[in-house]
C-alpha cells in the first residue's frame, strides 16, 4: 500500500508519499504561497534531484491537484498513477475532546472539525480546506484525520481544567487541549527506546520548538500536562504568537486603542512573539544573525524565548518528580544549538548538565543525539521528529483495522532495531563530511 500524507496550512500544503511494503519514503514536498499569489512547489522524489516549479494555486484544490500531477509525472514523479494510493492521512490540529485517536473522515468528523474552527483559527480552517480539496481530487480513496490534540486526551482534570466558571467547560468545552501531539507521540516513544525502558514507565519533558512551540510533560508514557491551551496561543513565546500573557491584557489594549476583540486576537496570534519583540524577525536563524551583528532587540527576543522555555522545563520537572530524559525536537529544537544553549545554561542545579561541544555538534535531522554530560542526572536528547510517519502508520492501521489509541497500539518506530531508510542514507553523507557527529549519536540501550 502507498500512503499519501497531507499537512495543509493557511497558505501551504506539505506532503509525503510512503511505500508501506518497502518501508520507504518515495517523495516529499511542499506547495508554498497557496491562495496568496506566486505559488510554487518544491518536490524531492527518491533518487532524483529536488526541483522547484512555479505554478499559481489560488485554492487548496489547485495545490492538491498540482501535488498529484507532480507525483505522477513520468520524469519528476514517484508513482505511475493515483490508483496505487491506498489512503490519505491528513494532519488536523484541533480535535477538541471529541477524538482520542485518529479517525477515518466521514460527515460526522467533518461536522465536528467545523464546529471547532474558532478554537484554532490559524490552523483548523486550512486543515478542513485541505481535506475537502483532497476529497474532491481523490474521491474514491479513504481519508484519515490525525489530530494534534488526541495525544493529550490522557491529561487529568487538574491539568486540563481552567479555574474559570464551571459552566464554561460544561457548555462551551473550555479547557486545555494541547497540540503538537503527533510530534510528542513520536519523540516519547523514541526516547523510551533510547533509554531502554518500558514506554509506560517513562517520564519525560519534551520541548517541541519551531515557529509554533510547546512543552509536554509525559508521565508513564502519556501526556500529563502541556503548555498550549484551548488554542495554540498559550504557553511559549513563538514566531508570531505571544504565548502566556495576563488574561486582562487584551481588555486593557481594547480600552486604550479601541481595537476589537478580533483585532486583538489577530495581533496576539500574528503580530506578537518574536516578531513583536524584534519588529521584523520570526526565523531564529535571522534573529541569531542579527544578534551577532549587535541587534539588541534580537538578543532580547532570544533571552525572553529561552526564559519562558526554562520556566516550563523547571515546572514540569517538579510536577513529574522523577524525570528520565529531557528531549528537544522540531526545527528549532533540532537545529538551533544556540537556542538550546540559552535554554540549558544554568539548569545544572536541577540535574540538567549539557555539554557545549556536543550541543554544537548536534545539527541534524538524520540522527538522534545525546548532548548531556555523563554527570547529568537527566539525559538530554535531540530527537528529530517524524510526524508524517505517525500519520502514515495511523492511516495504514485504520485501513487494515489494526488501529487503536496509542496505549493499546505499537508503532514500528518503537522497535529497538527500527531504521528510517531515508535518514540512514542522509546520515552516511553527513558522517562523510563531519565524522565527529558519530560521537554524539544516541544508541538504544
Protein backbone atom coordinates (compact mmCIF):
# COMPACT_ATOMS: atom_id res chain seq x y z
CA UNK A 1 0.00 0.00 0.00
CA UNK A 2 1.19 3.52 -0.84
CA UNK A 3 0.04 6.23 1.58
CA UNK A 4 -0.09 9.97 0.90
CA UNK A 5 0.01 12.33 3.88
CA UNK A 6 -1.06 15.97 3.63
CA UNK A 7 -0.45 18.79 6.08
CA UNK A 8 -2.31 21.86 4.83
CA UNK A 9 -1.67 25.27 6.35
CA UNK A 10 -3.40 28.53 5.51
CA UNK A 11 -1.01 29.16 2.59
CA UNK A 12 0.85 25.86 2.19
CA UNK A 13 0.38 22.16 1.56
CA UNK A 14 3.12 19.76 2.70
CA UNK A 15 3.06 16.15 1.53
CA UNK A 16 4.84 12.81 1.75
CA UNK A 17 4.40 9.59 -0.21
CA UNK A 18 5.27 6.39 1.65
CA UNK A 19 5.57 2.86 0.27
CA UNK A 20 4.33 0.75 3.16
CA UNK A 21 5.52 -2.59 1.80
CA UNK A 22 9.04 -1.29 1.15
CA UNK A 23 9.07 0.79 4.35
CA UNK A 24 10.44 3.77 2.50
CA UNK A 25 9.61 7.37 1.59
CA UNK A 26 9.08 7.81 -2.16
CA UNK A 27 8.73 11.59 -2.21
CA UNK A 28 8.35 14.68 -0.04
CA UNK A 29 7.48 18.26 -0.88
CA UNK A 30 5.50 21.39 -0.21
CA UNK A 31 3.40 23.84 -2.18
CA UNK A 32 4.06 27.36 -0.87
CA UNK A 33 2.06 30.60 -1.16
CA UNK A 34 -1.27 28.88 -1.80
CA UNK A 35 -4.10 31.48 -2.17
CA UNK A 36 -1.70 34.46 -1.89
CA UNK A 37 -0.05 34.51 -5.34
CA UNK A 38 3.37 33.47 -6.56
CA UNK A 39 2.75 29.80 -5.70
CA UNK A 40 5.39 27.15 -6.31
CA UNK A 41 6.05 23.52 -5.46
CA UNK A 42 9.32 22.16 -4.03
CA UNK A 43 9.46 18.43 -4.73
CA UNK A 44 12.02 15.70 -3.98
CA UNK A 45 11.48 12.15 -5.22
CA UNK A 46 13.71 9.33 -4.05
CA UNK A 47 16.82 9.04 -6.19
CA UNK A 48 16.13 12.28 -8.04
CA UNK A 49 17.23 15.89 -7.68
CA UNK A 50 14.99 18.30 -5.81
CA UNK A 51 13.00 20.54 -8.14
CA UNK A 52 11.01 23.76 -7.84
CA UNK A 53 8.14 24.56 -10.19
CA UNK A 54 6.25 27.87 -10.26
CA UNK A 55 2.51 27.29 -10.59
CA UNK A 56 -0.33 29.54 -9.46
CA UNK A 57 -2.57 27.91 -6.83
CA UNK A 58 -5.46 30.25 -5.94
CA UNK A 59 -7.12 27.47 -3.88
CA UNK A 60 -6.12 24.35 -1.94
CA UNK A 61 -7.85 22.27 -4.61
CA UNK A 62 -5.34 23.67 -7.11
CA UNK A 63 -2.49 22.88 -4.70
CA UNK A 64 -3.60 19.26 -4.22
CA UNK A 65 -4.10 18.90 -7.97
CA UNK A 66 -0.55 20.22 -8.52
CA UNK A 67 0.81 17.72 -5.99
CA UNK A 68 -0.91 14.84 -7.76
CA UNK A 69 0.30 15.92 -11.20
CA UNK A 70 3.85 16.19 -9.87
CA UNK A 71 3.73 12.81 -8.13
CA UNK A 72 2.53 11.08 -11.31
CA UNK A 73 4.81 12.93 -13.75
CA UNK A 74 6.89 10.39 -15.70
CA UNK A 75 10.15 12.28 -15.17
CA UNK A 76 9.68 14.10 -11.87
CA UNK A 77 7.25 11.80 -10.06
CA UNK A 78 7.40 8.64 -7.98
CA UNK A 79 4.22 6.68 -8.82
CA UNK A 80 2.61 5.66 -12.14
CA UNK A 81 -0.85 6.99 -11.25
CA UNK A 82 -3.04 7.70 -8.22
CA UNK A 83 -4.64 4.25 -8.28
CA UNK A 84 -1.72 2.98 -6.18
CA UNK A 85 -2.65 5.33 -3.31
CA UNK A 86 -4.43 3.26 -0.67
CA UNK A 87 -5.15 6.04 1.83
CA UNK A 88 -4.59 9.73 2.53
CA UNK A 89 -3.65 10.87 6.03
CA UNK A 90 -4.43 14.48 6.99
CA UNK A 91 -3.00 16.47 9.85
CA UNK A 92 -5.85 18.08 11.78
CA UNK A 93 -4.75 20.45 14.53
CA UNK A 94 -7.84 20.61 16.77
CA UNK A 95 -9.96 17.58 17.57
CA UNK A 96 -11.31 19.01 20.83
CA UNK A 97 -12.50 16.43 23.33
CA UNK A 98 -14.43 14.54 20.65
CA UNK A 99 -11.46 12.49 19.42
CA UNK A 100 -8.98 10.45 21.47
CA UNK A 101 -7.33 8.92 18.39
CA UNK A 102 -7.12 9.20 14.61
CA UNK A 103 -10.27 8.50 12.59
CA UNK A 104 -11.49 7.81 9.07
CA UNK A 105 -13.02 11.06 7.81
CA UNK A 106 -16.79 10.91 7.41
CA UNK A 107 -19.56 13.51 7.51
CA UNK A 108 -19.72 13.41 11.32
CA UNK A 109 -15.98 14.02 11.63
CA UNK A 110 -16.12 16.94 9.19
CA UNK A 111 -19.01 18.45 11.12
CA UNK A 112 -17.01 18.19 14.35
CA UNK A 113 -13.95 19.84 12.77
CA UNK A 114 -16.11 22.70 11.52
CA UNK A 115 -17.58 23.17 14.99
CA UNK A 116 -14.06 23.68 16.36
CA UNK A 117 -12.84 26.21 13.78
CA UNK A 118 -12.75 29.06 16.28
CA UNK A 119 -10.62 27.05 18.72
CA UNK A 120 -7.73 27.01 16.24
CA UNK A 121 -8.33 29.95 13.88
CA UNK A 122 -4.88 29.74 12.26
CA UNK A 123 -4.98 26.01 11.56
CA UNK A 124 -8.34 24.23 11.50
CA UNK A 125 -9.87 26.22 8.61
CA UNK A 126 -6.81 25.38 6.48
CA UNK A 127 -6.85 21.74 7.59
CA UNK A 128 -10.52 21.49 6.63
CA UNK A 129 -9.87 23.12 3.24
CA UNK A 130 -7.08 20.59 2.66
CA UNK A 131 -9.31 17.62 3.46
CA UNK A 132 -12.14 18.95 1.28
CA UNK A 133 -9.72 19.67 -1.58
CA UNK A 134 -8.15 16.22 -1.40
CA UNK A 135 -11.54 14.52 -1.28
CA UNK A 136 -12.57 16.38 -4.45
CA UNK A 137 -9.43 15.33 -6.26
CA UNK A 138 -9.33 11.80 -4.79
CA UNK A 139 -12.99 10.95 -4.10
CA UNK A 140 -12.58 7.16 -4.08
CA UNK A 141 -9.62 6.99 -1.68
CA UNK A 142 -10.20 6.68 2.10
CA UNK A 143 -9.15 9.81 4.00
CA UNK A 144 -7.97 9.75 7.62
CA UNK A 145 -7.62 12.60 10.12
CA UNK A 146 -4.78 12.60 12.63
CA UNK A 147 -5.47 15.07 15.45
CA UNK A 148 -2.76 17.02 17.28
CA UNK A 149 -4.98 17.10 20.35
CA UNK A 150 -5.65 13.35 20.59
CA UNK A 151 -2.31 12.60 22.31
CA UNK A 152 -3.23 14.95 25.17
CA UNK A 153 -6.57 13.33 25.99
CA UNK A 154 -4.83 11.39 28.79
CA UNK A 155 -4.30 14.59 30.81
CA UNK A 156 -6.06 14.55 34.20
CA UNK A 157 -8.60 17.23 35.23
CA UNK A 158 -6.10 19.04 37.46
CA UNK A 159 -4.02 19.85 34.40
CA UNK A 160 -6.65 20.35 31.69
CA UNK A 161 -9.26 22.39 33.58
CA UNK A 162 -9.00 26.16 33.91
CA UNK A 163 -10.04 27.92 37.13
CA UNK A 164 -12.99 29.62 35.42
CA UNK A 165 -16.78 29.24 35.85
CA UNK A 166 -17.60 25.56 35.58
CA UNK A 167 -20.40 26.19 33.07
CA UNK A 168 -17.82 27.44 30.54
CA UNK A 169 -16.41 23.91 30.42
CA UNK A 170 -19.79 22.19 30.54
CA UNK A 171 -21.45 24.38 27.88
CA UNK A 172 -18.58 25.53 25.70
CA UNK A 173 -15.84 22.89 26.21
CA UNK A 174 -13.43 25.47 27.65
CA UNK A 175 -10.35 23.52 28.78
CA UNK A 176 -6.71 22.90 27.95
CA UNK A 177 -6.30 20.67 24.87
CA UNK A 178 -2.65 20.90 23.88
CA UNK A 179 -1.16 20.47 20.41
CA UNK A 180 1.85 19.01 18.53
CA UNK A 181 0.50 15.62 19.57
CA UNK A 182 1.93 13.58 16.67
CA UNK A 183 5.38 15.01 17.37
CA UNK A 184 5.16 14.30 21.10
CA UNK A 185 3.90 10.77 20.45
CA UNK A 186 6.81 10.01 18.13
CA UNK A 187 9.52 11.52 20.34
CA UNK A 188 8.13 9.99 23.53
CA UNK A 189 8.18 6.51 22.02
CA UNK A 190 11.67 7.04 20.58
CA UNK A 191 13.02 8.37 23.89
CA UNK A 192 11.80 5.22 25.64
CA UNK A 193 13.66 3.13 23.04
CA UNK A 194 16.88 5.11 23.57
CA UNK A 195 16.54 4.74 27.34
CA UNK A 196 15.80 1.01 27.04
CA UNK A 197 12.68 1.46 29.14
CA UNK A 198 9.06 0.39 29.04
CA UNK A 199 7.36 3.40 27.40
CA UNK A 200 4.62 3.30 30.01
CA UNK A 201 7.13 3.58 32.85
CA UNK A 202 8.94 6.53 31.30
CA UNK A 203 8.72 10.18 32.43
CA UNK A 204 9.87 12.90 30.01
CA UNK A 205 9.89 16.62 29.39
CA UNK A 206 9.72 17.23 25.62
CA UNK A 207 10.33 20.63 24.02
CA UNK A 208 8.82 20.91 20.54
CA UNK A 209 10.40 24.15 19.34
CA UNK A 210 9.53 25.50 15.92
CA UNK A 211 7.64 28.54 14.63
CA UNK A 212 4.91 27.14 16.86
CA UNK A 213 6.28 25.74 20.11
CA UNK A 214 5.13 23.87 23.18
CA UNK A 215 6.42 21.74 26.06
CA UNK A 216 4.91 18.44 27.15
CA UNK A 217 5.22 16.65 30.49
CA UNK A 218 4.93 12.92 29.80
CA UNK A 219 4.17 10.74 32.83
CA UNK A 220 4.31 6.96 32.49
CA UNK A 221 4.31 7.30 28.71
CA UNK A 222 1.21 9.50 28.49
CA UNK A 223 0.64 13.23 28.21
CA UNK A 224 0.21 14.67 31.70
CA UNK A 225 0.48 18.42 31.11
CA UNK A 226 1.34 20.74 28.24
CA UNK A 227 1.97 24.43 27.68
CA UNK A 228 -0.60 25.15 24.94
CA UNK A 229 -4.21 25.54 25.97
CA UNK A 230 -7.68 25.72 24.42
CA UNK A 231 -5.90 27.19 21.38
CA UNK A 232 -2.25 27.06 20.26
CA UNK A 233 -1.72 30.63 21.55
CA UNK A 234 -0.95 29.80 25.18
CA UNK A 235 2.48 28.91 26.55
CA UNK A 236 5.86 29.61 24.98
CA UNK A 237 6.99 32.65 23.00
CA UNK A 238 6.66 31.66 19.33
CA UNK A 239 7.38 33.12 15.90
CA UNK A 240 4.31 35.37 15.80
CA UNK A 241 2.35 34.20 18.87
CA UNK A 242 2.69 35.85 22.28
CA UNK A 243 2.34 32.77 24.44
CA UNK A 244 1.40 33.44 28.08
CA UNK A 245 0.13 36.94 28.90
CA UNK A 246 -2.01 38.42 31.67
CA UNK A 247 -5.61 37.45 30.73
CA UNK A 248 -6.62 41.09 31.35
CA UNK A 249 -4.12 42.39 28.77
CA UNK A 250 -6.49 42.14 25.76
CA UNK A 251 -9.19 44.12 27.59
CA UNK A 252 -6.69 46.79 28.59
CA UNK A 253 -5.46 47.15 24.99
CA UNK A 254 -9.04 47.26 23.67
CA UNK A 255 -9.93 50.09 26.08
CA UNK A 256 -6.77 52.03 25.25
CA UNK A 257 -6.79 51.63 21.47
CA UNK A 258 -10.39 50.93 20.52
CA UNK A 259 -9.31 47.69 18.87
CA UNK A 260 -11.95 44.99 18.50
CA UNK A 261 -11.69 41.53 20.02
CA UNK A 262 -10.93 40.11 16.56
CA UNK A 263 -8.16 42.67 16.02
CA UNK A 264 -6.53 41.90 19.38
CA UNK A 265 -6.80 38.15 18.76
CA UNK A 266 -5.14 38.67 15.38
CA UNK A 267 -2.36 40.76 16.96
CA UNK A 268 -1.63 38.13 19.63
CA UNK A 269 -1.57 35.35 17.02
CA UNK A 270 0.11 37.03 14.05
CA UNK A 271 1.96 40.14 15.24
CA UNK A 272 3.42 39.12 18.58
CA UNK A 273 6.07 36.66 19.78
CA UNK A 274 9.50 37.09 18.25
CA UNK A 275 8.04 39.31 15.53
CA UNK A 276 6.53 41.59 18.14
CA UNK A 277 9.80 41.88 20.09
CA UNK A 278 12.13 42.42 17.12
CA UNK A 279 9.71 44.20 14.82
CA UNK A 280 10.81 42.16 11.79
CA UNK A 281 12.09 38.63 12.56
CA UNK A 282 10.38 35.29 13.17
CA UNK A 283 13.09 32.89 11.94
CA UNK A 284 15.60 32.03 14.70
CA UNK A 285 18.43 31.98 12.14
CA UNK A 286 17.68 35.58 11.22
CA UNK A 287 17.48 36.51 14.88
CA UNK A 288 20.80 34.83 15.65
CA UNK A 289 22.48 36.62 12.75
CA UNK A 290 21.03 39.95 13.88
CA UNK A 291 22.15 39.31 17.46
CA UNK A 292 25.71 38.59 16.35
CA UNK A 293 25.62 41.86 14.41
CA UNK A 294 24.69 43.75 17.59
CA UNK A 295 20.89 43.97 17.30
CA UNK A 296 19.72 44.36 20.91
CA UNK A 297 16.10 43.53 20.09
CA UNK A 298 17.25 40.19 18.64
CA UNK A 299 19.26 39.45 21.78
CA UNK A 300 16.25 40.34 23.93
CA UNK A 301 13.98 38.10 21.85
CA UNK A 302 16.29 35.13 22.42
CA UNK A 303 16.50 35.86 26.14
CA UNK A 304 12.73 36.11 26.52
CA UNK A 305 12.14 32.94 24.50
CA UNK A 306 14.73 30.93 26.44
CA UNK A 307 13.47 32.22 29.79
CA UNK A 308 9.93 31.06 29.02
CA UNK A 309 11.10 27.58 27.97
CA UNK A 310 13.21 27.29 31.15
CA UNK A 311 10.20 28.13 33.31
CA UNK A 312 8.19 25.32 31.76
CA UNK A 313 11.03 22.81 31.97
CA UNK A 314 11.54 23.58 35.67
CA UNK A 315 7.82 23.42 36.38
CA UNK A 316 7.39 20.10 34.63
CA UNK A 317 10.42 18.57 36.34
CA UNK A 318 8.76 19.49 39.64
CA UNK A 319 5.39 18.07 38.54
CA UNK A 320 6.87 14.77 37.33
CA UNK A 321 9.19 14.23 40.28
CA UNK A 322 11.31 11.59 38.54
CA UNK A 323 12.28 12.57 35.00
CA UNK A 324 14.08 10.06 32.76
CA UNK A 325 15.08 12.47 29.96
CA UNK A 326 14.75 15.96 28.56
CA UNK A 327 14.07 15.98 24.81
CA UNK A 328 14.40 18.69 22.14
CA UNK A 329 12.65 18.32 18.79
CA UNK A 330 11.20 20.19 15.75
CA UNK A 331 13.05 22.71 13.57
CA UNK A 332 14.46 24.97 16.28
CA UNK A 333 14.88 22.18 18.81
CA UNK A 334 16.79 20.07 16.29
CA UNK A 335 18.95 22.70 14.61
CA UNK A 336 19.25 25.89 16.68
CA UNK A 337 22.06 24.85 19.03
CA UNK A 338 22.40 28.48 20.15
CA UNK A 339 18.82 28.43 21.50
CA UNK A 340 19.36 25.07 23.23
CA UNK A 341 22.46 26.62 24.82
CA UNK A 342 20.49 29.57 26.17
CA UNK A 343 17.74 27.28 27.47
CA UNK A 344 20.06 24.73 29.10
CA UNK A 345 22.57 27.15 30.65
CA UNK A 346 22.04 27.41 34.39
CA UNK A 347 20.00 24.21 34.81
CA UNK A 348 22.87 22.36 36.50
CA UNK A 349 21.29 22.95 39.90
CA UNK A 350 18.31 20.78 38.95
CA UNK A 351 20.40 17.98 37.49
CA UNK A 352 20.40 19.02 33.83
CA UNK A 353 24.00 19.38 32.60
CA UNK A 354 24.63 19.86 28.89
CA UNK A 355 27.93 19.51 27.02
CA UNK A 356 28.60 22.68 24.95
CA UNK A 357 30.65 20.83 22.31
CA UNK A 358 28.11 18.03 21.91
CA UNK A 359 25.34 20.58 21.74
CA UNK A 360 27.05 22.48 18.93
CA UNK A 361 27.70 19.25 17.02
CA UNK A 362 24.03 18.30 17.13
CA UNK A 363 22.63 19.84 13.98
CA UNK A 364 20.94 17.07 12.01
CA UNK A 365 17.60 15.56 11.09
CA UNK A 366 19.21 12.21 10.30
CA UNK A 367 20.22 11.00 13.77
CA UNK A 368 19.13 11.02 17.40
CA UNK A 369 21.83 12.58 19.57
CA UNK A 370 22.80 12.78 23.23
CA UNK A 371 24.10 16.22 24.26
CA UNK A 372 24.33 15.89 28.06
CA UNK A 373 27.49 15.37 30.09
CA UNK A 374 27.99 11.97 31.79
CA UNK A 375 27.37 13.55 35.21
CA UNK A 376 23.97 14.91 34.19
CA UNK A 377 21.27 13.28 36.31
CA UNK A 378 18.84 13.71 33.42
CA UNK A 379 19.96 12.73 29.90
CA UNK A 380 19.36 15.36 27.21
CA UNK A 381 18.35 14.00 23.79
CA UNK A 382 17.80 15.75 20.48
CA UNK A 383 15.30 13.58 18.60
CA UNK A 384 14.27 14.61 15.07
CA UNK A 385 10.51 14.34 14.93
CA UNK A 386 8.62 12.38 12.26
CA UNK A 387 5.01 13.47 12.32
CA UNK A 388 4.48 12.16 8.77
CA UNK A 389 5.39 8.64 9.86
CA UNK A 390 2.86 8.75 12.69
CA UNK A 391 0.22 9.92 10.23
CA UNK A 392 1.22 7.19 7.77
CA UNK A 393 1.10 4.41 10.36
CA UNK A 394 -2.25 5.61 11.72
CA UNK A 395 -3.73 5.71 8.20
CA UNK A 396 -2.43 2.23 7.36
CA UNK A 397 -3.71 0.77 10.64
CA UNK A 398 -7.12 2.36 10.12
CA UNK A 399 -7.29 0.78 6.65
CA UNK A 400 -6.38 -2.66 7.99
CA UNK A 401 -8.50 -2.50 11.15
CA UNK A 402 -5.46 -2.75 13.44
CA UNK A 403 -5.54 0.79 14.85
CA UNK A 404 -6.25 1.82 18.44
CA UNK A 405 -5.31 4.51 20.97
CA UNK A 406 -1.53 4.67 21.49
CA UNK A 407 -1.70 2.88 24.86
CA UNK A 408 -3.03 -0.17 23.01
CA UNK A 409 -1.12 0.14 19.75
CA UNK A 410 2.55 -0.41 18.89
CA UNK A 411 4.28 1.65 16.20
CA UNK A 412 7.12 0.37 14.03
CA UNK A 413 9.47 3.04 15.43
CA UNK A 414 9.10 1.57 18.92
CA UNK A 415 11.25 -1.38 17.88
CA UNK A 416 14.86 -1.30 19.02
CA UNK A 417 16.13 -2.07 15.51
CA UNK A 418 13.90 0.47 13.72
CA UNK A 419 15.67 2.27 10.86
CA UNK A 420 14.42 5.18 8.80
CA UNK A 421 15.94 4.31 5.42
CA UNK A 422 15.94 7.86 4.07
CA UNK A 423 17.56 9.28 7.20
CA UNK A 424 20.10 6.46 7.29
CA UNK A 425 21.21 7.40 3.77
CA UNK A 426 21.36 11.04 4.72
CA UNK A 427 23.43 10.24 7.81
CA UNK A 428 26.06 8.43 5.73
CA UNK A 429 26.60 11.58 3.70
CA UNK A 430 26.72 13.73 6.83
CA UNK A 431 29.25 11.47 8.57
CA UNK A 432 31.48 11.59 5.50
CA UNK A 433 31.61 15.37 5.85
CA UNK A 434 31.60 15.50 9.66
CA UNK A 435 32.92 12.29 11.30
CA UNK A 436 32.69 13.88 14.77
CA UNK A 437 28.91 13.62 14.58
CA UNK A 438 29.22 9.89 15.26
CA UNK A 439 30.46 10.61 18.80
CA UNK A 440 27.11 12.03 19.90
CA UNK A 441 24.71 9.60 18.17
CA UNK A 442 22.40 8.06 20.77
CA UNK A 443 22.09 4.29 20.58
CA UNK A 444 19.23 2.29 22.14
CA UNK A 445 20.16 0.69 25.48
